[in-house]
């Protein structure tokens, strides 16, 4: 039970780190790549009759991808951990 609580706390802290990294570093880089200058949070694109903010959409997509990759890699590592075969069970 304690392991689950520790995992939740570490996951929340990792989420905060990823959110900060995406907002401070990756979003401006993406803005430079697509030619946006200045405050990218004001940039929008129109889909039908709705204006969608580019920055919020890009931040959410990048955050999701980073967190999904990190968490799936962690669960795969736990699933594929080597098994210690030195202990032989005793049958009575």
C-alpha atoms as a PDB file:
ATOM      1  CA  UNK A   1       0.000   0.000   0.000  1.00  0.00           C
ATOM      2  CA  UNK A   2       2.888   2.341   0.786  1.00  0.00           C
ATOM      3  CA  UNK A   3       4.423   1.579  -2.625  1.00  0.00           C
ATOM      4  CA  UNK A   4       1.242   2.759  -4.320  1.00  0.00           C
ATOM      5  CA  UNK A   5       1.235   5.998  -2.336  1.00  0.00           C
ATOM      6  CA  UNK A   6       4.903   6.623  -3.170  1.00  0.00           C
ATOM      7  CA  UNK A   7       4.173   5.958  -6.842  1.00  0.00           C
ATOM      8  CA  UNK A   8       1.322   8.471  -6.845  1.00  0.00           C
ATOM      9  CA  UNK A   9       3.472  11.155  -5.200  1.00  0.00           C
ATOM     10  CA  UNK A  10       6.345  10.572  -7.628  1.00  0.00           C
ATOM     11  CA  UNK A  11       3.917  10.578 -10.567  1.00  0.00           C
ATOM     12  CA  UNK A  12       2.454  13.911  -9.466  1.00  0.00           C
ATOM     13  CA  UNK A  13       5.917  15.416  -9.067  1.00  0.00           C
ATOM     14  CA  UNK A  14       6.972  14.098 -12.479  1.00  0.00           C
ATOM     15  CA  UNK A  15       3.827  15.584 -14.014  1.00  0.00           C
ATOM     16  CA  UNK A  16       4.728  19.004 -12.583  1.00  0.00           C
ATOM     17  CA  UNK A  17       8.254  18.718 -14.008  1.00  0.00           C
ATOM     18  CA  UNK A  18       6.932  17.762 -17.446  1.00  0.00           C
ATOM     19  CA  UNK A  19       4.408  20.627 -17.400  1.00  0.00           C
ATOM     20  CA  UNK A  20       7.147  23.113 -16.571  1.00  0.00           C
ATOM     21  CA  UNK A  21       9.491  21.700 -19.220  1.00  0.00           C
ATOM     22  CA  UNK A  22       6.831  21.814 -21.921  1.00  0.00           C
ATOM     23  CA  UNK A  23       5.651  25.313 -21.047  1.00  0.00           C
ATOM     24  CA  UNK A  24       9.087  26.882 -20.643  1.00  0.00           C
ATOM     25  CA  UNK A  25      11.167  25.045 -23.226  1.00  0.00           C
ATOM     26  CA  UNK A  26       9.298  22.971 -25.806  1.00  0.00           C
ATOM     27  CA  UNK A  27       6.443  25.345 -26.612  1.00  0.00           C
ATOM     28  CA  UNK A  28       8.783  28.242 -27.506  1.00  0.00           C
ATOM     29  CA  UNK A  29      10.861  25.864 -29.651  1.00  0.00           C
ATOM     30  CA  UNK A  30       7.752  24.705 -31.481  1.00  0.00           C
ATOM     31  CA  UNK A  31       6.762  28.362 -31.886  1.00  0.00           C
ATOM     32  CA  UNK A  32      10.118  29.109 -33.502  1.00  0.00           C
ATOM     33  CA  UNK A  33       9.769  26.083 -35.763  1.00  0.00           C
ATOM     34  CA  UNK A  34       6.358  27.170 -37.075  1.00  0.00           C
ATOM     35  CA  UNK A  35       7.345  30.820 -37.369  1.00  0.00           C
ATOM     36  CA  UNK A  36       5.433  32.203 -34.418  1.00  0.00           C
ATOM     37  CA  UNK A  37       7.153  35.076 -32.672  1.00  0.00           C
ATOM     38  CA  UNK A  38       6.387  36.651 -29.327  1.00  0.00           C
ATOM     39  CA  UNK A  39       3.609  35.310 -27.130  1.00  0.00           C
ATOM     40  CA  UNK A  40       2.396  32.097 -28.710  1.00  0.00           C
ATOM     41  CA  UNK A  41      -0.528  31.809 -26.270  1.00  0.00           C
ATOM     42  CA  UNK A  42      -2.449  34.338 -28.391  1.00  0.00           C
ATOM     43  CA  UNK A  43      -2.064  32.342 -31.612  1.00  0.00           C
ATOM     44  CA  UNK A  44      -5.220  30.565 -32.735  1.00  0.00           C
ATOM     45  CA  UNK A  45      -6.463  28.565 -35.664  1.00  0.00           C
ATOM     46  CA  UNK A  46     -10.029  28.233 -36.846  1.00  0.00           C
ATOM     47  CA  UNK A  47     -11.765  24.881 -37.139  1.00  0.00           C
ATOM     48  CA  UNK A  48     -15.239  25.414 -38.497  1.00  0.00           C
ATOM     49  CA  UNK A  49     -16.703  28.259 -36.463  1.00  0.00           C
ATOM     50  CA  UNK A  50     -14.475  27.644 -33.439  1.00  0.00           C
ATOM     51  CA  UNK A  51     -11.141  29.282 -32.675  1.00  0.00           C
ATOM     52  CA  UNK A  52      -8.694  26.959 -30.957  1.00  0.00           C
ATOM     53  CA  UNK A  53      -5.586  28.236 -29.153  1.00  0.00           C
ATOM     54  CA  UNK A  54      -2.446  26.674 -30.657  1.00  0.00           C
ATOM     55  CA  UNK A  55      -0.371  26.909 -27.490  1.00  0.00           C
ATOM     56  CA  UNK A  56      -2.831  25.136 -25.221  1.00  0.00           C
ATOM     57  CA  UNK A  57      -3.420  22.381 -27.758  1.00  0.00           C
ATOM     58  CA  UNK A  58       0.302  21.855 -28.389  1.00  0.00           C
ATOM     59  CA  UNK A  59       1.114  21.905 -24.668  1.00  0.00           C
ATOM     60  CA  UNK A  60      -1.562  19.324 -23.910  1.00  0.00           C
ATOM     61  CA  UNK A  61      -0.453  17.039 -26.752  1.00  0.00           C
ATOM     62  CA  UNK A  62       3.237  17.231 -25.836  1.00  0.00           C
ATOM     63  CA  UNK A  63       2.522  16.694 -22.131  1.00  0.00           C
ATOM     64  CA  UNK A  64       0.368  13.676 -22.912  1.00  0.00           C
ATOM     65  CA  UNK A  65       3.010  12.118 -25.164  1.00  0.00           C
ATOM     66  CA  UNK A  66       5.863  12.670 -22.699  1.00  0.00           C
ATOM     67  CA  UNK A  67       3.922  11.349 -19.720  1.00  0.00           C
ATOM     68  CA  UNK A  68       2.510   8.378 -21.644  1.00  0.00           C
ATOM     69  CA  UNK A  69       5.963   7.384 -22.902  1.00  0.00           C
ATOM     70  CA  UNK A  70       7.576   7.743 -19.485  1.00  0.00           C
ATOM     71  CA  UNK A  71       4.873   5.849 -17.653  1.00  0.00           C
ATOM     72  CA  UNK A  72       4.607   3.050 -20.208  1.00  0.00           C
ATOM     73  CA  UNK A  73       8.400   2.658 -20.210  1.00  0.00           C
ATOM     74  CA  UNK A  74       8.361   2.420 -16.421  1.00  0.00           C
ATOM     75  CA  UNK A  75       5.637  -0.219 -16.411  1.00  0.00           C
ATOM     76  CA  UNK A  76       7.431  -2.199 -19.134  1.00  0.00           C
ATOM     77  CA  UNK A  77      10.645  -2.067 -17.095  1.00  0.00           C
ATOM     78  CA  UNK A  78       8.816  -3.462 -14.069  1.00  0.00           C
ATOM     79  CA  UNK A  79       7.152  -6.148 -16.184  1.00  0.00           C
ATOM     80  CA  UNK A  80      10.385  -7.280 -17.858  1.00  0.00           C
ATOM     81  CA  UNK A  81      12.550  -7.179 -14.738  1.00  0.00           C
ATOM     82  CA  UNK A  82      14.995 -10.103 -14.530  1.00  0.00           C
ATOM     83  CA  UNK A  83      13.918 -12.963 -12.315  1.00  0.00           C
ATOM     84  CA  UNK A  84      16.243 -14.173  -9.590  1.00  0.00           C
ATOM     85  CA  UNK A  85      16.491 -17.951 -10.185  1.00  0.00           C
ATOM     86  CA  UNK A  86      18.948 -18.674  -7.354  1.00  0.00           C
ATOM     87  CA  UNK A  87      16.183 -19.610  -4.917  1.00  0.00           C
ATOM     88  CA  UNK A  88      14.845 -23.107  -5.498  1.00  0.00           C
ATOM     89  CA  UNK A  89      11.473 -23.860  -3.908  1.00  0.00           C
ATOM     90  CA  UNK A  90      11.308 -26.825  -1.569  1.00  0.00           C
ATOM     91  CA  UNK A  91       8.565 -29.363  -2.248  1.00  0.00           C
ATOM     92  CA  UNK A  92       7.440 -31.375   0.779  1.00  0.00           C
END
